[in-house]
């Protein structure tokens, strides 16, 4: 099964108010395994970057000035998605922006099936925080590079979170730390010292006690043919 983990960065919170997409990040999964294929698009929003949005993702007017318009990259974007199931954190936000961008180019809305990982996390951990950072903390996923939001980096982190939410990868199968470091294959390859068998013959006292016990047994089965 092919899936695309997707994230966007924008100039604001509401596409209906004219805010635009400035970055798209996509990671391809096939049968829950990252293939190495990805797509990152920086886009000129044709509007000044509000200070609040710039504080979130760090993308400036100067950086985006020479970037292509969404209309220039729409074919590449749609081709990468294909008919894959989408994996999105807070899907209605990203889909709302992407569908608004598609509408500006005269394209139809996305019809791909999708998984909203916020909803998935809330079902699995009711009452707990479901932000991407909170889920990275829960699953011990290293997000120290996430000093700012970034669509491709967030997609990479979300792909790891999604795998954990879908059952996890059982990194060490519950092994002791020294075995977890090498994994199961390493554990099987470990050469152990063979210990000699411990002495287990009965003592003279035990043999005598056993002989006395046998005298008390009437009609023993071991004497029958």
N, C-alpha and C. Protein backbone atom coordinates (compact mmCIF):
# COMPACT_ATOMS: atom_id res chain seq x y z
N UNK A 1 0.84 -1.20 0.00
CA UNK A 1 0.00 0.00 0.00
C UNK A 1 0.87 1.25 0.00
N UNK A 2 0.60 2.15 -0.91
CA UNK A 2 1.38 3.39 -0.99
C UNK A 2 0.69 4.49 -0.20
N UNK A 3 1.48 5.19 0.63
CA UNK A 3 0.99 6.32 1.40
C UNK A 3 1.97 7.48 1.26
N UNK A 4 1.46 8.68 1.43
CA UNK A 4 2.30 9.87 1.42
C UNK A 4 2.04 10.66 2.70
N UNK A 5 3.08 10.81 3.49
CA UNK A 5 3.01 11.64 4.68
C UNK A 5 3.24 13.07 4.24
N UNK A 6 2.35 13.98 4.65
CA UNK A 6 2.33 15.32 4.07
C UNK A 6 2.22 16.39 5.14
N UNK A 7 2.91 17.51 4.93
CA UNK A 7 2.78 18.67 5.81
C UNK A 7 2.95 19.93 4.98
N UNK A 8 2.38 21.02 5.47
CA UNK A 8 2.52 22.31 4.80
C UNK A 8 2.93 23.38 5.82
N UNK A 9 3.54 24.44 5.31
CA UNK A 9 3.72 25.68 6.06
C UNK A 9 3.01 26.78 5.28
N UNK A 10 2.45 27.75 6.00
CA UNK A 10 1.58 28.73 5.38
C UNK A 10 1.87 30.14 5.91
N UNK A 11 1.20 31.11 5.31
CA UNK A 11 1.34 32.50 5.77
C UNK A 11 0.39 32.83 6.90
N UNK A 12 -0.49 31.91 7.25
CA UNK A 12 -1.46 32.18 8.31
C UNK A 12 -2.33 30.97 8.57
N UNK A 13 -3.48 31.21 9.17
CA UNK A 13 -4.32 30.11 9.63
C UNK A 13 -5.58 29.87 8.80
N UNK A 14 -5.91 30.78 7.87
CA UNK A 14 -7.19 30.69 7.19
C UNK A 14 -7.04 30.92 5.69
N UNK A 15 -7.20 29.87 4.89
CA UNK A 15 -7.09 30.06 3.43
C UNK A 15 -8.21 30.93 2.88
N UNK A 16 -9.34 30.95 3.56
CA UNK A 16 -10.46 31.77 3.09
C UNK A 16 -10.17 33.26 3.27
N UNK A 17 -9.22 33.57 4.13
CA UNK A 17 -8.81 34.97 4.34
C UNK A 17 -7.67 35.37 3.41
N UNK A 18 -7.31 34.48 2.50
CA UNK A 18 -6.28 34.79 1.52
C UNK A 18 -4.90 34.31 1.89
N UNK A 19 -4.75 33.59 3.00
CA UNK A 19 -3.42 33.07 3.36
C UNK A 19 -3.03 31.95 2.40
N UNK A 20 -1.71 31.78 2.23
CA UNK A 20 -1.20 30.91 1.17
C UNK A 20 -0.23 29.87 1.72
N UNK A 21 -0.01 28.83 0.92
CA UNK A 21 0.99 27.80 1.23
C UNK A 21 2.36 28.29 0.79
N UNK A 22 3.35 28.12 1.66
CA UNK A 22 4.72 28.54 1.32
C UNK A 22 5.69 27.36 1.29
N UNK A 23 5.30 26.24 1.86
CA UNK A 23 6.16 25.04 1.78
C UNK A 23 5.28 23.80 1.83
N UNK A 24 5.64 22.81 1.04
CA UNK A 24 5.00 21.49 1.07
C UNK A 24 6.11 20.45 1.24
N UNK A 25 5.91 19.53 2.17
CA UNK A 25 6.85 18.43 2.37
C UNK A 25 6.13 17.10 2.33
N UNK A 26 6.65 16.16 1.56
CA UNK A 26 6.02 14.84 1.41
C UNK A 26 7.06 13.73 1.55
N UNK A 27 6.67 12.65 2.21
CA UNK A 27 7.49 11.45 2.36
C UNK A 27 6.68 10.26 1.86
N UNK A 28 7.26 9.44 1.02
CA UNK A 28 6.57 8.26 0.49
C UNK A 28 6.80 7.04 1.37
N UNK A 29 5.71 6.34 1.68
CA UNK A 29 5.76 5.05 2.37
C UNK A 29 5.12 4.00 1.48
N UNK A 30 5.70 2.81 1.46
CA UNK A 30 5.07 1.67 0.79
C UNK A 30 5.04 0.53 1.80
N UNK A 31 3.84 0.07 2.11
CA UNK A 31 3.66 -0.97 3.13
C UNK A 31 4.32 -0.56 4.44
N UNK A 32 4.12 0.71 4.82
CA UNK A 32 4.58 1.25 6.10
C UNK A 32 6.10 1.38 6.18
N UNK A 33 6.78 1.37 5.05
CA UNK A 33 8.24 1.53 5.04
C UNK A 33 8.59 2.71 4.15
N UNK A 34 9.44 3.62 4.65
CA UNK A 34 9.87 4.76 3.86
C UNK A 34 10.72 4.29 2.69
N UNK A 35 10.40 4.77 1.50
CA UNK A 35 11.10 4.34 0.29
C UNK A 35 12.32 5.20 -0.02
N UNK A 36 12.44 6.35 0.62
CA UNK A 36 13.52 7.29 0.29
C UNK A 36 13.06 8.38 -0.66
N UNK A 37 11.88 8.23 -1.26
CA UNK A 37 11.36 9.28 -2.14
C UNK A 37 10.70 10.36 -1.30
N UNK A 38 10.97 11.59 -1.66
CA UNK A 38 10.36 12.71 -0.95
C UNK A 38 10.17 13.87 -1.92
N UNK A 39 9.38 14.83 -1.49
CA UNK A 39 9.14 16.03 -2.28
C UNK A 39 9.11 17.22 -1.34
N UNK A 40 9.91 18.23 -1.66
CA UNK A 40 9.88 19.47 -0.89
C UNK A 40 9.75 20.63 -1.86
N UNK A 41 8.73 21.45 -1.65
CA UNK A 41 8.49 22.61 -2.50
C UNK A 41 8.42 23.86 -1.64
N UNK A 42 9.27 24.85 -1.95
CA UNK A 42 9.12 26.19 -1.40
C UNK A 42 8.38 27.02 -2.44
N UNK A 43 7.40 27.82 -2.00
CA UNK A 43 6.51 28.51 -2.92
C UNK A 43 6.40 29.99 -2.58
N UNK A 44 6.40 30.80 -3.61
CA UNK A 44 6.18 32.24 -3.44
C UNK A 44 4.69 32.47 -3.19
N UNK A 45 4.33 33.06 -2.03
CA UNK A 45 2.91 33.23 -1.71
C UNK A 45 2.27 34.45 -2.35
N UNK A 46 3.04 35.26 -3.03
CA UNK A 46 2.52 36.48 -3.67
C UNK A 46 1.88 37.43 -2.65
N UNK A 47 2.40 37.41 -1.45
CA UNK A 47 1.93 38.32 -0.40
C UNK A 47 3.04 38.44 0.65
N UNK A 48 3.06 39.53 1.43
CA UNK A 48 4.07 39.66 2.49
C UNK A 48 3.86 38.60 3.58
N UNK A 49 4.95 38.17 4.16
CA UNK A 49 4.88 37.17 5.22
C UNK A 49 4.55 37.86 6.55
N UNK A 50 3.43 37.51 7.17
CA UNK A 50 3.12 38.08 8.49
C UNK A 50 4.18 37.68 9.52
N UNK A 51 4.44 38.57 10.46
CA UNK A 51 5.49 38.33 11.46
C UNK A 51 5.19 37.08 12.27
N UNK A 52 3.93 36.85 12.62
CA UNK A 52 3.57 35.68 13.42
C UNK A 52 3.88 34.38 12.71
N UNK A 53 3.58 34.31 11.42
CA UNK A 53 3.85 33.10 10.65
C UNK A 53 5.35 32.90 10.48
N UNK A 54 6.08 33.99 10.24
CA UNK A 54 7.54 33.88 10.09
C UNK A 54 8.18 33.37 11.38
N UNK A 55 7.62 33.76 12.52
CA UNK A 55 8.15 33.28 13.79
C UNK A 55 7.99 31.77 13.91
N UNK A 56 6.94 31.21 13.32
CA UNK A 56 6.68 29.76 13.41
C UNK A 56 7.65 28.98 12.54
N UNK A 57 7.78 29.37 11.27
CA UNK A 57 8.57 28.55 10.34
C UNK A 57 9.87 29.19 9.85
N UNK A 58 10.06 30.46 10.10
CA UNK A 58 11.32 31.10 9.75
C UNK A 58 11.49 31.46 8.29
N UNK A 59 10.45 31.31 7.48
CA UNK A 59 10.56 31.62 6.05
C UNK A 59 10.28 33.10 5.82
N UNK A 60 11.24 33.78 5.23
CA UNK A 60 11.15 35.22 5.05
C UNK A 60 10.72 35.59 3.64
N UNK A 61 10.31 36.87 3.48
CA UNK A 61 9.97 37.37 2.14
C UNK A 61 11.16 37.26 1.20
N UNK A 62 12.37 37.56 1.73
CA UNK A 62 13.57 37.51 0.91
C UNK A 62 13.85 36.09 0.41
N UNK A 63 13.68 35.11 1.29
CA UNK A 63 13.94 33.71 0.91
C UNK A 63 12.95 33.23 -0.14
N UNK A 64 11.69 33.63 -0.01
CA UNK A 64 10.63 33.12 -0.88
C UNK A 64 10.49 33.92 -2.18
N UNK A 65 11.17 35.05 -2.28
CA UNK A 65 10.97 35.96 -3.42
C UNK A 65 11.24 35.30 -4.76
N UNK A 66 12.25 34.44 -4.84
CA UNK A 66 12.59 33.83 -6.14
C UNK A 66 12.05 32.41 -6.29
N UNK A 67 11.19 32.00 -5.37
CA UNK A 67 10.64 30.64 -5.44
C UNK A 67 9.47 30.59 -6.41
N UNK A 68 9.17 29.42 -6.98
CA UNK A 68 8.08 29.32 -7.96
C UNK A 68 6.71 29.50 -7.30
N UNK A 69 5.73 29.80 -8.12
CA UNK A 69 4.35 29.86 -7.65
C UNK A 69 3.79 28.45 -7.55
N UNK A 70 2.73 28.30 -6.76
CA UNK A 70 2.08 26.98 -6.66
C UNK A 70 1.65 26.51 -8.05
N UNK A 71 1.15 27.41 -8.86
CA UNK A 71 0.69 27.04 -10.21
C UNK A 71 1.81 26.44 -11.04
N UNK A 72 3.05 26.86 -10.77
CA UNK A 72 4.19 26.33 -11.52
C UNK A 72 4.57 24.92 -11.10
N UNK A 73 4.15 24.52 -9.89
CA UNK A 73 4.55 23.22 -9.34
C UNK A 73 3.38 22.27 -9.13
N UNK A 74 2.19 22.69 -9.52
CA UNK A 74 1.01 21.89 -9.23
C UNK A 74 1.07 20.51 -9.88
N UNK A 75 1.57 20.43 -11.11
CA UNK A 75 1.64 19.13 -11.78
C UNK A 75 2.59 18.19 -11.05
N UNK A 76 3.74 18.69 -10.65
CA UNK A 76 4.71 17.88 -9.92
C UNK A 76 4.11 17.39 -8.61
N UNK A 77 3.39 18.26 -7.93
CA UNK A 77 2.76 17.92 -6.66
C UNK A 77 1.70 16.84 -6.84
N UNK A 78 0.80 17.03 -7.78
CA UNK A 78 -0.28 16.06 -8.00
C UNK A 78 0.28 14.72 -8.45
N UNK A 79 1.31 14.75 -9.30
CA UNK A 79 1.92 13.50 -9.77
C UNK A 79 2.55 12.73 -8.60
N UNK A 80 3.21 13.45 -7.68
CA UNK A 80 3.83 12.77 -6.55
C UNK A 80 2.76 12.11 -5.67
N UNK A 81 1.67 12.81 -5.43
CA UNK A 81 0.61 12.23 -4.59
C UNK A 81 -0.02 11.01 -5.26
N UNK A 82 -0.31 11.11 -6.54
CA UNK A 82 -1.00 10.01 -7.22
C UNK A 82 -2.29 9.67 -6.48
N UNK A 83 -2.55 8.37 -6.33
CA UNK A 83 -3.75 7.94 -5.61
C UNK A 83 -3.40 7.43 -4.22
N UNK A 84 -2.26 7.84 -3.70
CA UNK A 84 -1.82 7.36 -2.39
C UNK A 84 -2.75 7.84 -1.28
N UNK A 85 -2.83 7.05 -0.23
CA UNK A 85 -3.49 7.51 0.99
C UNK A 85 -2.58 8.53 1.66
N UNK A 86 -3.16 9.64 2.10
CA UNK A 86 -2.38 10.70 2.72
C UNK A 86 -2.36 10.52 4.24
N UNK A 87 -1.25 10.86 4.84
CA UNK A 87 -1.10 10.83 6.30
C UNK A 87 -0.75 12.26 6.72
N UNK A 88 -1.66 12.90 7.47
CA UNK A 88 -1.52 14.32 7.78
C UNK A 88 -1.86 14.55 9.25
N UNK A 89 -1.09 15.41 9.89
CA UNK A 89 -1.35 15.78 11.28
C UNK A 89 -2.26 17.01 11.29
N UNK A 90 -3.49 16.82 11.77
CA UNK A 90 -4.52 17.87 11.69
C UNK A 90 -4.88 18.10 10.23
N UNK A 91 -5.45 17.07 9.63
CA UNK A 91 -5.63 17.02 8.18
C UNK A 91 -6.47 18.15 7.61
N UNK A 92 -7.51 18.58 8.33
CA UNK A 92 -8.40 19.60 7.77
C UNK A 92 -7.66 20.90 7.51
N UNK A 93 -6.66 21.21 8.32
CA UNK A 93 -5.88 22.44 8.10
C UNK A 93 -5.12 22.35 6.77
N UNK A 94 -4.32 21.32 6.60
CA UNK A 94 -3.49 21.21 5.39
C UNK A 94 -4.35 21.02 4.15
N UNK A 95 -5.37 20.18 4.25
CA UNK A 95 -6.22 19.94 3.08
C UNK A 95 -6.97 21.21 2.69
N UNK A 96 -7.39 21.99 3.67
CA UNK A 96 -8.08 23.24 3.37
C UNK A 96 -7.19 24.18 2.56
N UNK A 97 -5.91 24.29 2.96
CA UNK A 97 -4.99 25.15 2.23
C UNK A 97 -4.67 24.59 0.86
N UNK A 98 -4.42 23.29 0.77
CA UNK A 98 -4.06 22.71 -0.53
C UNK A 98 -5.22 22.80 -1.51
N UNK A 99 -6.43 22.55 -1.03
CA UNK A 99 -7.59 22.64 -1.93
C UNK A 99 -7.84 24.08 -2.37
N UNK A 100 -7.55 25.04 -1.50
CA UNK A 100 -7.68 26.44 -1.90
C UNK A 100 -6.65 26.79 -2.98
N UNK A 101 -5.42 26.27 -2.83
CA UNK A 101 -4.40 26.51 -3.86
C UNK A 101 -4.80 25.84 -5.18
N UNK A 102 -5.32 24.62 -5.09
CA UNK A 102 -5.75 23.93 -6.30
C UNK A 102 -6.88 24.69 -6.98
N UNK A 103 -7.80 25.23 -6.19
CA UNK A 103 -8.91 25.98 -6.76
C UNK A 103 -8.41 27.21 -7.52
N UNK A 104 -7.36 27.86 -7.01
CA UNK A 104 -6.81 29.04 -7.69
C UNK A 104 -6.25 28.69 -9.07
N UNK A 105 -5.84 27.44 -9.23
CA UNK A 105 -5.30 27.03 -10.54
C UNK A 105 -6.36 26.35 -11.40
N UNK A 106 -7.60 26.34 -10.92
CA UNK A 106 -8.68 25.72 -11.68
C UNK A 106 -8.70 24.20 -11.57
N UNK A 107 -8.02 23.65 -10.56
CA UNK A 107 -7.97 22.20 -10.37
C UNK A 107 -9.03 21.74 -9.38
N UNK A 108 -9.37 20.46 -9.49
CA UNK A 108 -10.33 19.88 -8.56
C UNK A 108 -9.68 19.65 -7.20
N UNK A 109 -10.51 19.53 -6.17
CA UNK A 109 -10.00 19.25 -4.83
C UNK A 109 -9.40 17.85 -4.77
N UNK A 110 -8.53 17.65 -3.82
CA UNK A 110 -7.95 16.33 -3.59
C UNK A 110 -9.04 15.36 -3.14
N UNK A 111 -9.01 14.16 -3.69
CA UNK A 111 -9.99 13.13 -3.33
C UNK A 111 -9.32 11.92 -2.67
N UNK A 112 -8.03 12.03 -2.40
CA UNK A 112 -7.30 10.91 -1.79
C UNK A 112 -7.87 10.58 -0.42
N UNK A 113 -7.92 9.30 -0.11
CA UNK A 113 -8.19 8.91 1.28
C UNK A 113 -7.08 9.46 2.16
N UNK A 114 -7.40 9.69 3.43
CA UNK A 114 -6.36 10.23 4.32
C UNK A 114 -6.55 9.72 5.74
N UNK A 115 -5.45 9.73 6.46
CA UNK A 115 -5.44 9.41 7.89
C UNK A 115 -5.04 10.68 8.62
N UNK A 116 -5.86 11.09 9.59
CA UNK A 116 -5.52 12.25 10.42
C UNK A 116 -4.86 11.73 11.69
N UNK A 117 -3.57 11.97 11.84
CA UNK A 117 -2.84 11.41 12.97
C UNK A 117 -3.21 12.08 14.29
N UNK A 118 -3.75 13.29 14.25
CA UNK A 118 -4.26 13.89 15.49
C UNK A 118 -5.43 13.07 16.01
N UNK A 119 -6.38 12.76 15.14
CA UNK A 119 -7.52 11.93 15.55
C UNK A 119 -7.08 10.55 15.99
N UNK A 120 -6.11 9.98 15.27
CA UNK A 120 -5.60 8.66 15.61
C UNK A 120 -4.97 8.67 17.00
N UNK A 121 -4.18 9.71 17.29
CA UNK A 121 -3.53 9.81 18.60
C UNK A 121 -4.54 10.02 19.71
N UNK A 122 -5.56 10.81 19.47
CA UNK A 122 -6.58 11.08 20.50
C UNK A 122 -7.41 9.84 20.80
N UNK A 123 -7.64 9.01 19.79
CA UNK A 123 -8.34 7.75 20.05
C UNK A 123 -7.47 6.79 20.85
N UNK A 124 -6.18 6.79 20.54
CA UNK A 124 -5.28 5.85 21.21
C UNK A 124 -4.90 6.32 22.60
N UNK A 125 -4.78 7.65 22.79
CA UNK A 125 -4.37 8.20 24.08
C UNK A 125 -5.36 9.29 24.49
N UNK A 126 -6.59 8.92 24.85
CA UNK A 126 -7.61 9.93 25.17
C UNK A 126 -7.17 10.82 26.34
N UNK A 127 -7.41 12.11 26.17
CA UNK A 127 -7.08 13.06 27.22
C UNK A 127 -5.64 13.50 27.25
N UNK A 128 -4.80 12.92 26.39
CA UNK A 128 -3.38 13.26 26.35
C UNK A 128 -3.09 14.25 25.22
N UNK A 129 -1.98 14.97 25.32
CA UNK A 129 -1.60 15.92 24.28
C UNK A 129 -1.32 15.18 22.97
N UNK A 130 -1.73 15.78 21.87
CA UNK A 130 -1.59 15.11 20.57
C UNK A 130 -0.80 15.95 19.58
N UNK A 131 -0.03 16.93 20.06
CA UNK A 131 0.81 17.70 19.15
C UNK A 131 1.94 16.80 18.64
N UNK A 132 2.57 17.22 17.55
CA UNK A 132 3.67 16.43 17.00
C UNK A 132 4.81 16.33 18.00
N UNK A 133 5.15 17.43 18.66
CA UNK A 133 6.22 17.39 19.66
C UNK A 133 5.88 16.45 20.80
N UNK A 134 4.63 16.49 21.27
CA UNK A 134 4.22 15.62 22.38
C UNK A 134 4.31 14.15 21.99
N UNK A 135 3.94 13.83 20.75
CA UNK A 135 3.99 12.44 20.31
C UNK A 135 5.43 12.00 20.08
N UNK A 136 6.28 12.89 19.63
CA UNK A 136 7.71 12.55 19.52
C UNK A 136 8.27 12.22 20.90
N UNK A 137 7.89 13.01 21.91
CA UNK A 137 8.33 12.73 23.28
C UNK A 137 7.81 11.38 23.75
N UNK A 138 6.55 11.11 23.48
CA UNK A 138 5.94 9.84 23.93
C UNK A 138 6.66 8.64 23.35
N UNK A 139 7.05 8.74 22.07
CA UNK A 139 7.66 7.60 21.39
C UNK A 139 9.19 7.68 21.33
N UNK A 140 9.76 8.62 22.08
CA UNK A 140 11.23 8.77 22.13
C UNK A 140 11.82 8.97 20.73
N UNK A 141 11.17 9.80 19.94
CA UNK A 141 11.65 10.16 18.61
C UNK A 141 12.42 11.47 18.72
N UNK A 142 13.63 11.49 18.21
CA UNK A 142 14.49 12.66 18.33
C UNK A 142 13.97 13.80 17.45
N UNK A 143 13.51 14.86 18.09
CA UNK A 143 13.03 16.03 17.35
C UNK A 143 13.83 17.28 17.70
N UNK A 144 15.08 17.10 18.12
CA UNK A 144 15.89 18.23 18.55
C UNK A 144 16.22 19.18 17.41
N UNK A 145 16.14 18.71 16.16
CA UNK A 145 16.40 19.59 15.02
C UNK A 145 15.20 20.49 14.71
N UNK A 146 14.09 20.24 15.40
CA UNK A 146 12.88 21.00 15.10
C UNK A 146 12.82 22.30 15.92
N UNK A 147 13.77 23.19 15.66
CA UNK A 147 13.75 24.49 16.33
C UNK A 147 12.69 25.40 15.71
N UNK A 148 12.38 25.19 14.44
CA UNK A 148 11.28 25.86 13.74
C UNK A 148 10.45 24.80 13.04
N UNK A 149 9.21 25.13 12.72
CA UNK A 149 8.41 24.23 11.91
C UNK A 149 8.96 24.22 10.49
N UNK A 150 9.00 23.06 9.89
CA UNK A 150 9.41 22.91 8.50
C UNK A 150 8.64 21.75 7.92
N UNK A 151 8.08 21.91 6.72
CA UNK A 151 7.16 20.91 6.18
C UNK A 151 7.83 19.56 5.96
N UNK A 152 9.05 19.55 5.39
CA UNK A 152 9.68 18.27 5.13
C UNK A 152 10.16 17.61 6.42
N UNK A 153 10.79 18.38 7.31
CA UNK A 153 11.23 17.83 8.58
C UNK A 153 10.04 17.31 9.38
N UNK A 154 8.96 18.07 9.40
CA UNK A 154 7.78 17.63 10.15
C UNK A 154 7.17 16.37 9.52
N UNK A 155 7.25 16.24 8.20
CA UNK A 155 6.77 15.02 7.55
C UNK A 155 7.62 13.82 7.94
N UNK A 156 8.93 14.02 8.04
CA UNK A 156 9.82 12.93 8.44
C UNK A 156 9.50 12.48 9.87
N UNK A 157 9.31 13.44 10.77
CA UNK A 157 8.96 13.11 12.15
C UNK A 157 7.58 12.45 12.20
N UNK A 158 6.64 12.99 11.42
CA UNK A 158 5.29 12.43 11.43
C UNK A 158 5.28 11.00 10.90
N UNK A 159 6.12 10.69 9.93
CA UNK A 159 6.20 9.32 9.41
C UNK A 159 6.58 8.36 10.53
N UNK A 160 7.54 8.76 11.38
CA UNK A 160 7.94 7.92 12.50
C UNK A 160 6.82 7.80 13.53
N UNK A 161 6.16 8.92 13.81
CA UNK A 161 5.03 8.90 14.75
C UNK A 161 3.92 8.00 14.22
N UNK A 162 3.63 8.09 12.92
CA UNK A 162 2.56 7.30 12.32
C UNK A 162 2.84 5.80 12.45
N UNK A 163 4.08 5.40 12.22
CA UNK A 163 4.44 4.00 12.37
C UNK A 163 4.22 3.53 13.80
N UNK A 164 4.55 4.38 14.77
CA UNK A 164 4.34 4.02 16.16
C UNK A 164 2.86 3.95 16.50
N UNK A 165 2.09 4.91 16.02
CA UNK A 165 0.65 4.90 16.27
C UNK A 165 -0.03 3.69 15.62
N UNK A 166 0.58 3.18 14.56
CA UNK A 166 -0.01 2.04 13.84
C UNK A 166 0.47 0.70 14.38
N UNK A 167 1.17 0.70 15.48
CA UNK A 167 1.59 -0.56 16.08
C UNK A 167 3.04 -0.58 16.50
N UNK A 168 3.82 0.36 16.01
CA UNK A 168 5.21 0.44 16.44
C UNK A 168 6.09 -0.57 15.74
N UNK A 169 7.39 -0.37 15.87
CA UNK A 169 8.36 -1.22 15.18
C UNK A 169 9.05 -2.18 16.13
N UNK A 170 8.66 -2.15 17.44
CA UNK A 170 9.23 -3.07 18.42
C UNK A 170 10.75 -3.10 18.27
N UNK A 171 11.36 -1.92 18.50
CA UNK A 171 12.78 -1.77 18.22
C UNK A 171 13.64 -2.85 18.86
N UNK A 172 13.35 -3.16 20.16
CA UNK A 172 14.24 -4.10 20.83
C UNK A 172 13.52 -5.34 21.35
N UNK A 173 12.22 -5.48 21.01
CA UNK A 173 11.44 -6.64 21.41
C UNK A 173 11.49 -6.88 22.92
N UNK A 174 11.67 -5.81 23.69
CA UNK A 174 11.69 -5.96 25.14
C UNK A 174 12.94 -6.62 25.66
N UNK A 175 14.04 -6.61 24.91
CA UNK A 175 15.25 -7.29 25.33
C UNK A 175 15.98 -6.47 26.40
N UNK A 176 16.87 -7.12 27.10
CA UNK A 176 17.72 -6.42 28.05
C UNK A 176 18.56 -5.40 27.30
N UNK A 177 18.98 -4.29 27.96
CA UNK A 177 19.70 -3.23 27.26
C UNK A 177 20.91 -3.70 26.47
N UNK A 178 21.69 -4.63 27.04
CA UNK A 178 22.88 -5.05 26.32
C UNK A 178 22.54 -5.84 25.07
N UNK A 179 21.35 -6.49 25.05
CA UNK A 179 20.93 -7.20 23.85
C UNK A 179 20.20 -6.27 22.89
N UNK A 180 19.47 -5.29 23.44
CA UNK A 180 18.74 -4.35 22.58
C UNK A 180 19.69 -3.58 21.69
N UNK A 181 20.91 -3.34 22.18
CA UNK A 181 21.87 -2.56 21.40
C UNK A 181 22.24 -3.25 20.10
N UNK A 182 22.23 -4.57 20.08
CA UNK A 182 22.61 -5.31 18.88
C UNK A 182 21.41 -5.84 18.12
N UNK A 183 20.22 -5.79 18.74
CA UNK A 183 19.03 -6.30 18.09
C UNK A 183 18.94 -7.81 18.17
N UNK A 184 17.85 -8.34 17.65
CA UNK A 184 17.61 -9.78 17.74
C UNK A 184 18.65 -10.57 16.99
N UNK A 185 19.02 -10.12 15.78
CA UNK A 185 20.01 -10.87 15.01
C UNK A 185 21.34 -10.90 15.73
N UNK A 186 21.70 -9.78 16.37
CA UNK A 186 22.94 -9.75 17.13
C UNK A 186 22.89 -10.67 18.32
N UNK A 187 21.72 -10.73 18.97
CA UNK A 187 21.58 -11.61 20.12
C UNK A 187 21.77 -13.06 19.72
N UNK A 188 21.22 -13.44 18.55
CA UNK A 188 21.34 -14.82 18.12
C UNK A 188 22.77 -15.18 17.74
N UNK A 189 23.54 -14.16 17.37
CA UNK A 189 24.92 -14.42 16.94
C UNK A 189 25.90 -14.43 18.11
N UNK A 190 25.44 -14.05 19.30
CA UNK A 190 26.35 -14.00 20.44
C UNK A 190 26.84 -15.41 20.78
N UNK A 191 28.15 -15.58 20.94
CA UNK A 191 28.72 -16.87 21.30
C UNK A 191 28.83 -16.95 22.82
N UNK A 192 28.20 -17.91 23.41
CA UNK A 192 28.20 -18.07 24.85
C UNK A 192 29.17 -19.17 25.26
N UNK A 193 29.77 -19.02 26.44
CA UNK A 193 30.65 -20.04 27.00
C UNK A 193 29.81 -21.21 27.46
N UNK A 194 30.19 -22.42 27.02
CA UNK A 194 29.45 -23.62 27.41
C UNK A 194 29.94 -24.08 28.78
N UNK A 195 29.02 -24.15 29.73
CA UNK A 195 29.38 -24.58 31.07
C UNK A 195 29.28 -26.10 31.18
N UNK A 196 30.19 -26.74 31.93
CA UNK A 196 30.06 -28.19 32.13
C UNK A 196 28.83 -28.50 32.96
N UNK A 197 28.28 -29.72 32.76
CA UNK A 197 27.08 -30.12 33.51
C UNK A 197 27.40 -30.19 35.00
N UNK A 198 26.46 -29.74 35.80
CA UNK A 198 26.65 -29.80 37.24
C UNK A 198 26.47 -31.24 37.74
N UNK A 199 27.23 -31.65 38.77
CA UNK A 199 27.03 -33.00 39.35
C UNK A 199 25.61 -33.13 39.89
N UNK A 200 24.95 -34.26 39.60
CA UNK A 200 23.59 -34.42 40.08
C UNK A 200 23.31 -35.86 40.55
N UNK A 201 24.38 -36.66 40.77
CA UNK A 201 24.16 -38.03 41.27
C UNK A 201 23.68 -37.98 42.71
N UNK A 202 22.83 -38.96 43.07
CA UNK A 202 22.31 -39.03 44.45
C UNK A 202 23.43 -39.38 45.43
N UNK A 203 23.33 -38.83 46.62
CA UNK A 203 24.33 -39.14 47.66
C UNK A 203 24.02 -40.50 48.28
N UNK A 204 24.96 -41.03 49.08
CA UNK A 204 24.75 -42.33 49.76
C UNK A 204 23.54 -42.27 50.66
N UNK A 205 23.36 -41.17 51.36
CA UNK A 205 22.22 -41.03 52.26
C UNK A 205 20.91 -41.03 51.47
N UNK A 206 20.93 -40.36 50.31
CA UNK A 206 19.71 -40.32 49.50
C UNK A 206 19.39 -41.71 48.94
N UNK A 207 20.41 -42.46 48.54
CA UNK A 207 20.18 -43.82 48.04
C UNK A 207 19.61 -44.71 49.12
N UNK A 208 20.14 -44.60 50.35
CA UNK A 208 19.65 -45.41 51.47
C UNK A 208 18.20 -45.08 51.78
N UNK A 209 17.87 -43.78 51.78
CA UNK A 209 16.50 -43.37 52.06
C UNK A 209 15.55 -43.89 50.99
N UNK A 210 16.01 -43.89 49.75
CA UNK A 210 15.18 -44.39 48.66
C UNK A 210 14.93 -45.89 48.81
N UNK A 211 15.97 -46.65 49.21
CA UNK A 211 15.82 -48.10 49.40
C UNK A 211 14.82 -48.40 50.50
N UNK A 212 14.86 -47.64 51.58
CA UNK A 212 13.91 -47.83 52.67
C UNK A 212 12.48 -47.53 52.22
N UNK A 213 12.33 -46.50 51.37
CA UNK A 213 11.01 -46.16 50.88
C UNK A 213 10.43 -47.27 50.02
N UNK A 214 11.29 -47.88 49.18
CA UNK A 214 10.81 -48.94 48.30
C UNK A 214 10.32 -50.15 49.07
N UNK A 215 10.90 -50.41 50.27
CA UNK A 215 10.46 -51.54 51.07
C UNK A 215 9.00 -51.37 51.52
N UNK A 216 8.54 -50.15 51.58
CA UNK A 216 7.18 -49.89 52.05
C UNK A 216 6.15 -49.97 50.93
N UNK A 217 6.62 -50.08 49.70
CA UNK A 217 5.69 -50.12 48.57
C UNK A 217 5.25 -51.55 48.33
N UNK A 218 3.92 -51.79 48.38
CA UNK A 218 3.38 -53.14 48.13
C UNK A 218 2.96 -53.27 46.68
N UNK A 219 3.25 -54.46 46.12
CA UNK A 219 2.89 -54.77 44.75
C UNK A 219 3.36 -53.67 43.78
N UNK A 220 4.68 -53.39 43.74
CA UNK A 220 5.17 -52.31 42.87
C UNK A 220 4.96 -52.62 41.40
N UNK A 221 4.59 -51.61 40.65
CA UNK A 221 4.28 -51.79 39.24
C UNK A 221 5.50 -52.16 38.42
N UNK A 222 6.69 -51.75 38.89
CA UNK A 222 7.87 -52.05 38.11
C UNK A 222 8.31 -53.51 38.15
N UNK A 223 7.64 -54.33 39.07
CA UNK A 223 7.93 -55.76 39.12
C UNK A 223 6.96 -56.57 38.28
N UNK A 224 5.94 -55.88 37.73
CA UNK A 224 4.96 -56.59 36.91
C UNK A 224 5.45 -56.67 35.47
N UNK A 225 5.06 -57.77 34.82
CA UNK A 225 5.43 -57.95 33.43
C UNK A 225 4.50 -57.14 32.53
